[in-house]
Amino acid sequence: MGAGAARPGSAPEGSVRGYRHPHHRLPQPIGAKGSKRAPGGYRSAREWHAKSRRLTALQDRRATLAADAGAGRVRVVRGGKKLANTRHHLEQAELSATRWRWEAARMFLRADGESGKRFGNETVRVTSVGVVSIKLPAPLAHEANDGRGRYTLTAPVAFAHRGGQWADRIAENRAVAYTISHDADRDRWYLTACWQPAPVPQLSLDTALAAGCIGVDANDDHLAAWQLDVHGNPVGGPHRFFYDLSGSADHRDAQILPPNFVRGAPIALTRLLHWGRRTSVAAIAVEDLDFTESKTREQHGHRRRFRQLISHFPTTRLRTRLAAMAAEQGIAIVAVDPAYTSRWGAQHWLTPLRATHPQTTGHDCASIVIGRSAQGRSARRRAPPPPHHQSHGAGHRSAQAGPDTLGREETRPPRTGPPARRVPPPGTRTRAT
């Protein structure tokens, strides 16, 4: 929507990654091999031609943005770019000028909260019984139907979700922001209240992991989770919370992020947190995923399915929303390094866990590795026994025991009683001494 924040002669952050790779690969011969740090040439002449056209388009876009930035011109569409494009193509959208919802989309009233004011807001005031009144500006003061230039609505309002928290805030005159919007399709008016929650107390990592944790592996169709005890051992069986990321962006976000009160079905994050509260754990370990560098066409140009997968997966919003929802439940979120979690999980955990849980997959094993990483443990189930001549120098044989476990670093207890009797093997001696 806006394109005026870049410096003259520079490209925005979103187009730099798509500009840098073609600029480096086009001068190289076709089929040239690359290194670990720099990519090689393109695989075919057809791909080289397509990328050269792409680079030309990016250079033209970069020049246009630099000219707008130098002139101080910002291109912003009031109401959204999608709404404006629909207005210019009413025939393709099968809409008429009267059905086009330009004015309906812009018909809203928003007022920020003010601490210390009556009921937490001076412009839009909502009493404890649901009476709404609006402070009119001076040119519209003659339209007021109440004292002191206020217009009181006849229909009362009620908050079904978190109504108790809202009532506590307005009783103490704490800031509450309101938004009055109109739904043209349903011909209804809605009042939305929002406020800043109290800061969540920060727990230390040892305190959060005192009762174990839950490791979560995020995938394109489900969240794989497994509970771990304080020693890093899996407890119970795997849990999966499914969702569907196909369709539009609003549908993808509704599957994972915002609450879904219309259909009455709990979303994936809500079900995950409810299960975590039943297990009495105080920490959930998740991967610190970031696909920013991998979303460009140059990074995975020939893997279209993979590019679509990482493009529609809301990694940042998922982690942010999970942290906000977990704070309400008193659960801490621990972010760990996502490197090699799936590979190590399949290598060290898949075979032994399938003996007791045949339905175990590699994603479930990856969640165990994620949880163990949050606890500061290695991905391996047990450390190999040390050599015989280094049994005391290599330390304890088991990596499952914590550093504060009694007797972990002690030597082997002495043998008591008479020595065991050695019986020679049966048979006659075949070689003379």
Protein backbone atom coordinates (compact mmCIF):
# COMPACT_ATOMS: atom_id res chain seq x y z
CA MET A 1 0.00 0.00 0.00
CA GLY A 2 2.71 2.49 0.87
CA ALA A 3 5.92 2.81 -1.11
CA GLY A 4 7.64 5.96 0.02
CA ALA A 5 9.87 4.87 2.89
CA ALA A 6 12.95 3.88 0.90
CA ARG A 7 15.96 6.15 0.48
CA PRO A 8 16.67 7.59 -2.98
CA GLY A 9 18.61 5.11 -5.04
CA SER A 10 17.82 2.15 -2.76
CA ALA A 11 15.26 -0.63 -3.02
CA PRO A 12 12.81 -1.71 -0.31
CA GLU A 13 13.72 -4.61 1.92
CA GLY A 14 11.24 -6.95 0.21
CA SER A 15 12.82 -6.56 -3.26
CA VAL A 16 16.50 -6.60 -2.24
CA ARG A 17 16.59 -10.38 -1.83
CA GLY A 18 14.92 -10.94 -5.21
CA TYR A 19 17.30 -8.46 -6.83
CA ARG A 20 20.59 -9.71 -5.39
CA HIS A 21 20.45 -13.34 -6.56
CA PRO A 22 19.67 -12.74 -10.29
CA HIS A 23 22.26 -9.98 -10.41
CA HIS A 24 24.87 -12.50 -9.23
CA ARG A 25 23.80 -15.55 -11.26
CA LEU A 26 23.06 -14.04 -14.67
CA PRO A 27 26.71 -13.23 -15.61
CA GLN A 28 27.75 -16.82 -14.88
CA PRO A 29 27.69 -19.52 -17.57
CA ILE A 30 24.66 -21.74 -17.86
CA GLY A 31 25.07 -24.85 -15.75
CA ALA A 32 27.98 -23.48 -13.70
CA LYS A 33 28.21 -25.05 -10.26
CA GLY A 34 28.01 -22.92 -7.16
CA SER A 35 29.57 -23.14 -3.74
CA LYS A 36 28.13 -23.30 -0.25
CA ARG A 37 28.19 -19.52 0.09
CA ALA A 38 27.32 -18.40 -3.45
CA PRO A 39 24.91 -19.94 -6.01
CA GLY A 40 26.06 -20.93 -9.49
CA GLY A 41 24.60 -20.29 -12.90
CA TYR A 42 21.12 -21.19 -14.08
CA ARG A 43 20.35 -24.70 -15.26
CA SER A 44 18.94 -23.90 -18.70
CA ALA A 45 18.70 -21.09 -21.24
CA ARG A 46 14.95 -20.88 -20.66
CA GLU A 47 15.44 -20.21 -16.95
CA TRP A 48 18.18 -17.68 -17.73
CA HIS A 49 15.83 -15.79 -20.07
CA ALA A 50 13.00 -15.75 -17.51
CA LYS A 51 15.31 -14.49 -14.77
CA SER A 52 16.74 -11.77 -16.99
CA ARG A 53 13.23 -10.44 -17.62
CA ARG A 54 12.54 -10.64 -13.91
CA LEU A 55 15.69 -8.62 -13.16
CA THR A 56 14.66 -5.97 -15.68
CA ALA A 57 11.24 -5.65 -14.06
CA LEU A 58 12.82 -5.32 -10.62
CA GLN A 59 15.18 -2.62 -11.85
CA ASP A 60 12.26 -0.63 -13.28
CA ARG A 61 10.34 -1.00 -10.02
CA ARG A 62 13.38 0.07 -8.06
CA ALA A 63 13.80 3.20 -10.16
CA THR A 64 10.11 4.09 -9.71
CA LEU A 65 10.26 3.69 -5.95
CA ALA A 66 13.48 5.71 -5.75
CA ALA A 67 11.86 8.53 -7.74
CA ASP A 68 8.81 8.53 -5.45
CA ALA A 69 11.02 8.55 -2.38
CA GLY A 70 13.09 11.43 -3.72
CA ALA A 71 9.96 13.47 -4.48
CA GLY A 72 8.44 12.68 -1.08
CA ARG A 73 5.40 11.00 -2.65
CA VAL A 74 3.69 8.16 -0.75
CA ARG A 75 1.13 6.02 -2.57
CA VAL A 76 -1.56 4.95 -0.10
CA VAL A 77 -5.06 3.71 -0.94
CA ARG A 78 -7.73 4.65 1.56
CA GLY A 79 -9.66 1.52 2.43
CA GLY A 80 -7.16 -0.92 0.92
CA LYS A 81 -5.71 -1.78 -2.47
CA LYS A 82 -8.08 -4.72 -2.98
CA LEU A 83 -11.12 -2.51 -2.52
CA ALA A 84 -9.81 0.05 -5.03
CA ASN A 85 -9.04 -2.60 -7.68
CA THR A 86 -12.57 -3.95 -7.34
CA ARG A 87 -13.95 -0.48 -8.01
CA HIS A 88 -11.99 -0.23 -11.26
CA HIS A 89 -13.16 -3.67 -12.43
CA LEU A 90 -16.82 -3.83 -11.44
CA GLU A 91 -17.82 -5.83 -14.51
CA GLN A 92 -15.29 -8.59 -13.83
CA ALA A 93 -16.39 -8.66 -10.18
CA GLU A 94 -20.07 -8.76 -11.25
CA LEU A 95 -20.90 -5.77 -9.05
CA SER A 96 -22.68 -2.52 -9.61
CA ALA A 97 -21.80 0.89 -8.23
CA THR A 98 -24.52 0.57 -5.61
CA ARG A 99 -23.33 -2.84 -4.44
CA TRP A 100 -19.73 -1.77 -4.22
CA ARG A 101 -18.94 -1.43 -0.51
CA TRP A 102 -16.56 1.52 -0.59
CA GLU A 103 -18.47 3.67 1.83
CA ALA A 104 -19.45 0.67 3.95
CA ALA A 105 -15.81 -0.38 4.36
CA ARG A 106 -14.86 3.12 5.49
CA MET A 107 -17.81 3.54 7.82
CA PHE A 108 -16.24 3.13 11.26
CA LEU A 109 -15.50 5.18 14.35
CA ARG A 110 -12.47 4.58 16.54
CA ALA A 111 -11.50 6.19 19.84
CA ASP A 112 -8.42 5.47 21.94
CA GLY A 113 -8.74 4.92 25.67
CA GLU A 114 -7.79 7.44 28.35
CA SER A 115 -6.81 6.40 31.84
CA GLY A 116 -8.47 8.44 34.56
CA LYS A 117 -11.46 9.42 32.45
CA ARG A 118 -14.89 8.15 33.35
CA PHE A 119 -15.30 4.53 32.19
CA GLY A 120 -11.86 4.72 30.57
CA ASN A 121 -12.83 6.69 27.45
CA GLU A 122 -14.10 10.24 26.97
CA THR A 123 -15.08 10.05 23.29
CA VAL A 124 -16.94 6.71 23.27
CA ARG A 125 -18.30 5.94 26.72
CA VAL A 126 -19.86 2.59 27.63
CA THR A 127 -21.38 2.23 31.08
CA SER A 128 -21.48 -0.94 33.16
CA VAL A 129 -25.06 -1.65 32.00
CA GLY A 130 -24.12 -1.33 28.29
CA VAL A 131 -25.34 2.21 27.50
CA VAL A 132 -23.21 3.75 24.70
CA SER A 133 -22.76 7.50 24.30
CA ILE A 134 -20.56 9.42 21.85
CA LYS A 135 -19.00 12.84 22.37
CA LEU A 136 -19.92 14.88 19.29
CA PRO A 137 -17.54 17.47 17.81
CA ALA A 138 -18.39 21.16 17.99
CA PRO A 139 -19.91 21.42 14.45
CA LEU A 140 -22.33 18.58 15.32
CA ALA A 141 -23.15 19.66 18.88
CA HIS A 142 -26.71 20.56 17.85
CA GLU A 143 -27.38 16.86 17.07
CA ALA A 144 -26.79 15.80 20.69
CA ASN A 145 -29.70 14.19 22.53
CA ASP A 146 -28.01 14.20 25.93
CA GLY A 147 -26.22 16.74 28.10
CA ARG A 148 -22.73 18.14 27.47
CA GLY A 149 -22.83 17.51 23.73
CA ARG A 150 -23.17 13.72 23.89
CA TYR A 151 -25.30 11.46 21.72
CA THR A 152 -26.66 8.37 23.51
CA LEU A 153 -27.57 5.29 21.53
CA THR A 154 -30.85 3.55 22.25
CA ALA A 155 -29.61 -0.04 21.85
CA PRO A 156 -27.48 -1.38 24.73
CA VAL A 157 -24.40 -3.55 24.15
CA ALA A 158 -23.01 -6.63 25.90
CA PHE A 159 -19.63 -8.36 25.66
CA ALA A 160 -19.89 -12.13 25.65
CA HIS A 161 -16.12 -12.64 25.49
CA ARG A 162 -14.04 -11.35 28.44
CA GLY A 163 -16.89 -9.29 29.71
CA GLY A 164 -15.65 -9.66 33.28
CA GLN A 165 -12.24 -8.17 32.45
CA TRP A 166 -13.89 -5.28 30.64
CA ALA A 167 -16.19 -4.58 33.60
CA ASP A 168 -13.24 -4.54 36.00
CA ARG A 169 -11.38 -2.01 33.86
CA ILE A 170 -14.21 0.48 33.46
CA ALA A 171 -15.00 0.22 37.17
CA GLU A 172 -11.47 1.50 37.89
CA ASN A 173 -11.58 4.07 35.01
CA ARG A 174 -8.72 2.37 33.18
CA ALA A 175 -8.14 2.99 29.46
CA VAL A 176 -10.36 1.07 27.03
CA ALA A 177 -10.34 1.71 23.26
CA TYR A 178 -13.53 1.24 21.23
CA THR A 179 -14.24 0.74 17.53
CA ILE A 180 -17.75 1.05 16.06
CA SER A 181 -17.97 -0.66 12.65
CA HIS A 182 -20.75 -1.52 10.20
CA ASP A 183 -21.26 -4.87 8.48
CA ALA A 184 -23.01 -4.05 5.22
CA ASP A 185 -23.80 -7.67 4.34
CA ARG A 186 -25.60 -8.34 7.62
CA ASP A 187 -26.72 -4.74 8.09
CA ARG A 188 -25.45 -4.72 11.68
CA TRP A 189 -23.33 -2.46 13.84
CA TYR A 190 -20.64 -3.89 16.09
CA LEU A 191 -18.75 -2.39 19.03
CA THR A 192 -15.25 -3.75 19.68
CA ALA A 193 -13.38 -3.03 22.92
CA CYS A 194 -9.64 -3.53 23.37
CA TRP A 195 -7.10 -2.69 26.04
CA GLN A 196 -3.49 -3.22 26.93
CA PRO A 197 -3.06 -6.27 29.18
CA ALA A 198 -0.95 -6.14 32.29
CA PRO A 199 2.73 -7.05 31.82
CA VAL A 200 3.36 -10.74 32.27
CA PRO A 201 5.95 -11.59 34.95
CA GLN A 202 9.07 -13.08 33.41
CA LEU A 203 9.97 -16.54 34.72
CA SER A 204 13.47 -17.91 34.75
CA LEU A 205 14.21 -20.88 32.51
CA ASP A 206 14.81 -23.20 35.47
CA THR A 207 11.50 -22.25 37.05
CA ALA A 208 9.56 -22.72 33.81
CA LEU A 209 11.11 -26.15 33.20
CA ALA A 210 10.76 -27.37 36.80
CA ALA A 211 7.75 -29.56 35.93
CA GLY A 212 8.92 -30.60 32.46
CA CYS A 213 7.83 -29.11 29.16
CA ILE A 214 5.98 -29.80 25.92
CA GLY A 215 7.87 -29.90 22.64
CA VAL A 216 5.95 -28.67 19.58
CA ASP A 217 6.91 -29.24 15.95
CA ALA A 218 5.00 -26.98 13.53
CA ASN A 219 4.08 -28.48 10.14
CA ASP A 220 1.98 -27.42 7.18
CA ASP A 221 -1.10 -29.36 8.33
CA HIS A 222 -0.73 -30.01 12.07
CA LEU A 223 1.17 -29.31 15.28
CA ALA A 224 3.00 -32.37 16.63
CA ALA A 225 3.47 -32.24 20.42
CA TRP A 226 4.88 -34.54 23.07
CA GLN A 227 5.19 -34.07 26.83
CA LEU A 228 8.63 -34.48 28.45
CA ASP A 229 9.48 -34.93 32.10
CA VAL A 230 12.26 -33.10 33.94
CA HIS A 231 14.84 -35.65 32.69
CA GLY A 232 13.89 -35.25 29.01
CA ASN A 233 11.99 -38.54 28.74
CA PRO A 234 8.74 -38.63 26.70
CA VAL A 235 5.60 -39.10 28.77
CA GLY A 236 2.48 -40.73 27.35
CA GLY A 237 1.90 -40.69 23.62
CA PRO A 238 2.10 -38.14 20.81
CA HIS A 239 -0.55 -35.46 20.32
CA ARG A 240 -1.46 -33.81 17.03
CA PHE A 241 -3.54 -30.69 16.46
CA PHE A 242 -4.64 -30.46 12.85
CA TYR A 243 -5.54 -27.40 10.75
CA ASP A 244 -5.94 -26.51 7.07
CA LEU A 245 -3.72 -23.84 5.49
CA SER A 246 -5.28 -23.96 2.03
CA GLY A 247 -7.35 -21.13 0.62
CA SER A 248 -7.11 -17.42 1.30
CA ALA A 249 -4.96 -15.72 3.91
CA ASP A 250 -7.98 -15.02 6.12
CA HIS A 251 -8.91 -18.71 6.10
CA ARG A 252 -5.33 -19.73 6.99
CA ASP A 253 -5.18 -17.27 9.87
CA ALA A 254 -8.56 -18.45 11.19
CA GLN A 255 -7.31 -22.03 11.35
CA ILE A 256 -4.41 -21.18 13.67
CA LEU A 257 -4.45 -17.65 15.02
CA PRO A 258 -7.72 -15.91 16.00
CA PRO A 259 -10.48 -17.56 18.04
CA ASN A 260 -13.21 -19.23 16.02
CA PHE A 261 -16.45 -18.53 17.84
CA VAL A 262 -18.74 -18.81 14.79
CA ARG A 263 -18.29 -22.51 14.18
CA GLY A 264 -17.71 -23.30 17.84
CA ALA A 265 -14.65 -25.45 17.12
CA PRO A 266 -11.49 -24.76 19.15
CA ILE A 267 -8.50 -23.77 17.04
CA ALA A 268 -5.14 -25.52 17.06
CA LEU A 269 -3.41 -23.18 19.51
CA THR A 270 -6.36 -23.22 21.91
CA ARG A 271 -6.45 -27.01 21.99
CA LEU A 272 -2.68 -27.12 22.49
CA LEU A 273 -2.82 -24.74 25.46
CA HIS A 274 -5.77 -26.57 27.01
CA TRP A 275 -3.87 -29.84 26.82
CA GLY A 276 -0.77 -28.17 28.29
CA ARG A 277 -2.80 -26.87 31.22
CA ARG A 278 -4.17 -30.36 31.89
CA THR A 279 -0.65 -31.80 32.00
CA SER A 280 0.39 -29.13 34.57
CA VAL A 281 3.51 -28.09 32.63
CA ALA A 282 4.67 -24.49 32.71
CA ALA A 283 6.66 -24.30 29.44
CA ILE A 284 6.12 -25.04 25.75
CA ALA A 285 9.13 -25.34 23.46
CA VAL A 286 8.73 -24.22 19.84
CA GLU A 287 11.11 -23.75 16.93
CA ASP A 288 12.35 -20.27 16.10
CA LEU A 289 11.41 -20.55 12.43
CA ASP A 290 12.05 -17.78 9.92
CA PHE A 291 11.45 -18.29 6.19
CA THR A 292 12.21 -14.71 5.16
CA GLU A 293 15.30 -15.58 3.15
CA SER A 294 13.72 -18.73 1.67
CA LYS A 295 10.61 -17.10 0.22
CA THR A 296 12.39 -15.60 -2.79
CA ARG A 297 12.17 -17.20 -6.19
CA GLU A 298 15.94 -17.48 -6.47
CA GLN A 299 16.37 -19.50 -3.29
CA HIS A 300 14.02 -22.35 -4.32
CA GLY A 301 13.02 -21.41 -7.85
CA HIS A 302 12.42 -24.94 -9.20
CA ARG A 303 10.66 -26.17 -6.03
CA ARG A 304 7.33 -24.46 -6.48
CA ARG A 305 5.43 -26.63 -4.01
CA PHE A 306 8.00 -25.93 -1.30
CA ARG A 307 7.90 -22.17 -1.98
CA GLN A 308 4.12 -22.19 -1.66
CA LEU A 309 4.39 -24.12 1.58
CA ILE A 310 6.79 -21.72 3.30
CA SER A 311 5.02 -18.66 1.89
CA HIS A 312 1.61 -19.40 3.35
CA PHE A 313 2.90 -20.66 6.70
CA PRO A 314 2.49 -17.84 9.28
CA THR A 315 5.62 -18.49 11.36
CA THR A 316 5.98 -15.06 12.97
CA ARG A 317 2.28 -14.56 13.66
CA LEU A 318 2.00 -18.12 14.97
CA ARG A 319 4.80 -17.59 17.50
CA THR A 320 3.50 -14.15 18.51
CA ARG A 321 -0.07 -15.35 18.95
CA LEU A 322 1.03 -18.44 20.88
CA ALA A 323 3.09 -16.30 23.28
CA ALA A 324 0.15 -13.95 23.86
CA MET A 325 -2.32 -16.78 24.45
CA ALA A 326 0.09 -18.73 26.66
CA ALA A 327 0.62 -15.68 28.86
CA GLU A 328 -3.09 -15.75 29.72
CA GLN A 329 -2.75 -19.39 30.77
CA GLY A 330 0.44 -18.86 32.80
CA ILE A 331 2.58 -20.91 30.40
CA ALA A 332 6.04 -19.81 29.25
CA ILE A 333 7.22 -20.12 25.62
CA VAL A 334 10.80 -21.25 24.94
CA ALA A 335 12.18 -20.75 21.41
CA VAL A 336 14.93 -23.15 20.31
CA ASP A 337 17.15 -23.53 17.27
CA PRO A 338 15.27 -25.46 14.53
CA ALA A 339 18.40 -26.92 12.94
CA TYR A 340 18.37 -30.71 12.39
CA THR A 341 15.45 -31.38 14.73
CA SER A 342 13.64 -33.67 12.27
CA ARG A 343 16.82 -35.50 11.29
CA TRP A 344 17.97 -36.14 14.85
CA GLY A 345 14.48 -37.12 15.96
CA ALA A 346 14.21 -39.78 13.25
CA GLN A 347 17.75 -41.01 13.96
CA HIS A 348 17.59 -41.38 17.74
CA TRP A 349 13.90 -41.68 18.66
CA LEU A 350 11.80 -43.08 15.83
CA THR A 351 12.77 -46.76 16.09
CA PRO A 352 12.47 -47.19 19.90
CA LEU A 353 9.23 -45.21 20.15
CA ARG A 354 7.50 -47.18 17.42
CA ALA A 355 7.89 -50.30 19.57
CA THR A 356 5.34 -48.86 22.04
CA HIS A 357 3.55 -46.33 19.82
CA PRO A 358 3.31 -47.66 16.24
CA GLN A 359 1.64 -44.44 15.04
CA THR A 360 4.72 -42.34 15.84
CA THR A 361 6.03 -40.24 12.94
CA GLY A 362 9.18 -38.23 12.36
CA HIS A 363 7.34 -35.04 13.31
CA ASP A 364 6.52 -36.48 16.73
CA CYS A 365 10.17 -37.38 17.26
CA ALA A 366 11.18 -33.87 16.20
CA SER A 367 8.97 -32.45 18.95
CA ILE A 368 10.92 -34.54 21.50
CA VAL A 369 14.21 -33.11 20.22
CA ILE A 370 12.78 -29.59 20.45
CA GLY A 371 11.71 -30.16 24.04
CA ARG A 372 15.09 -31.62 24.99
CA SER A 373 16.85 -28.67 23.37
CA ALA A 374 14.81 -26.30 25.55
CA GLN A 375 15.95 -28.27 28.59
CA GLY A 376 19.58 -27.98 27.53
CA ARG A 377 19.93 -31.68 26.70
CA SER A 378 21.30 -33.40 23.65
CA ALA A 379 19.08 -35.06 21.10
CA ARG A 380 20.45 -38.56 21.76
CA ARG A 381 18.54 -40.89 24.04
CA ARG A 382 21.64 -42.10 25.94
CA ALA A 383 25.33 -41.41 25.72
CA PRO A 384 27.46 -44.36 24.57
CA PRO A 385 29.40 -46.13 27.32
CA PRO A 386 32.93 -44.76 27.69
CA PRO A 387 36.00 -46.89 26.94
CA HIS A 388 37.10 -49.24 29.66
CA HIS A 389 40.30 -47.37 30.37
CA GLN A 390 38.39 -44.07 30.59
CA SER A 391 35.39 -45.18 32.61
CA HIS A 392 36.08 -42.70 35.38
CA GLY A 393 37.36 -39.87 33.19
CA ALA A 394 34.47 -39.90 30.73
CA GLY A 395 31.83 -39.41 33.43
CA HIS A 396 28.53 -41.11 34.01
CA ARG A 397 27.29 -43.57 31.43
CA SER A 398 23.75 -42.13 31.18
CA ALA A 399 22.92 -38.71 29.80
CA GLN A 400 19.38 -38.89 31.21
CA ALA A 401 20.32 -37.97 34.78
CA GLY A 402 20.40 -34.28 35.59
CA PRO A 403 23.50 -32.51 36.90
CA ASP A 404 21.91 -32.19 40.36
CA THR A 405 21.01 -35.88 40.69
CA LEU A 406 22.55 -37.47 43.77
CA GLY A 407 25.18 -40.08 43.00
CA ARG A 408 25.58 -39.07 39.38
CA GLU A 409 29.32 -38.44 39.52
CA GLU A 410 30.21 -40.98 42.21
CA THR A 411 32.34 -44.02 41.60
CA ARG A 412 30.99 -47.55 41.42
CA PRO A 413 30.21 -48.96 44.90
CA PRO A 414 32.70 -51.56 46.15
CA ARG A 415 31.85 -55.22 45.83
CA THR A 416 31.00 -56.98 49.08
CA GLY A 417 31.11 -60.66 49.97
CA PRO A 418 33.35 -63.44 48.71
CA PRO A 419 34.55 -63.35 45.13
CA ALA A 420 32.48 -65.22 42.60
CA ARG A 421 33.60 -68.77 41.89
CA ARG A 422 35.01 -69.28 38.46
CA VAL A 423 34.08 -72.56 36.79
CA PRO A 424 36.26 -73.66 33.86
CA PRO A 425 34.48 -74.32 30.58
CA PRO A 426 33.51 -77.90 29.85
CA GLY A 427 35.62 -80.05 27.58
CA THR A 428 39.19 -81.24 27.55
CA ARG A 429 42.22 -79.10 26.94
CA THR A 430 43.35 -79.41 23.34
CA ARG A 431 46.54 -77.40 23.57
CA ALA A 432 49.41 -78.03 25.90
CA THR A 433 50.62 -75.28 28.12
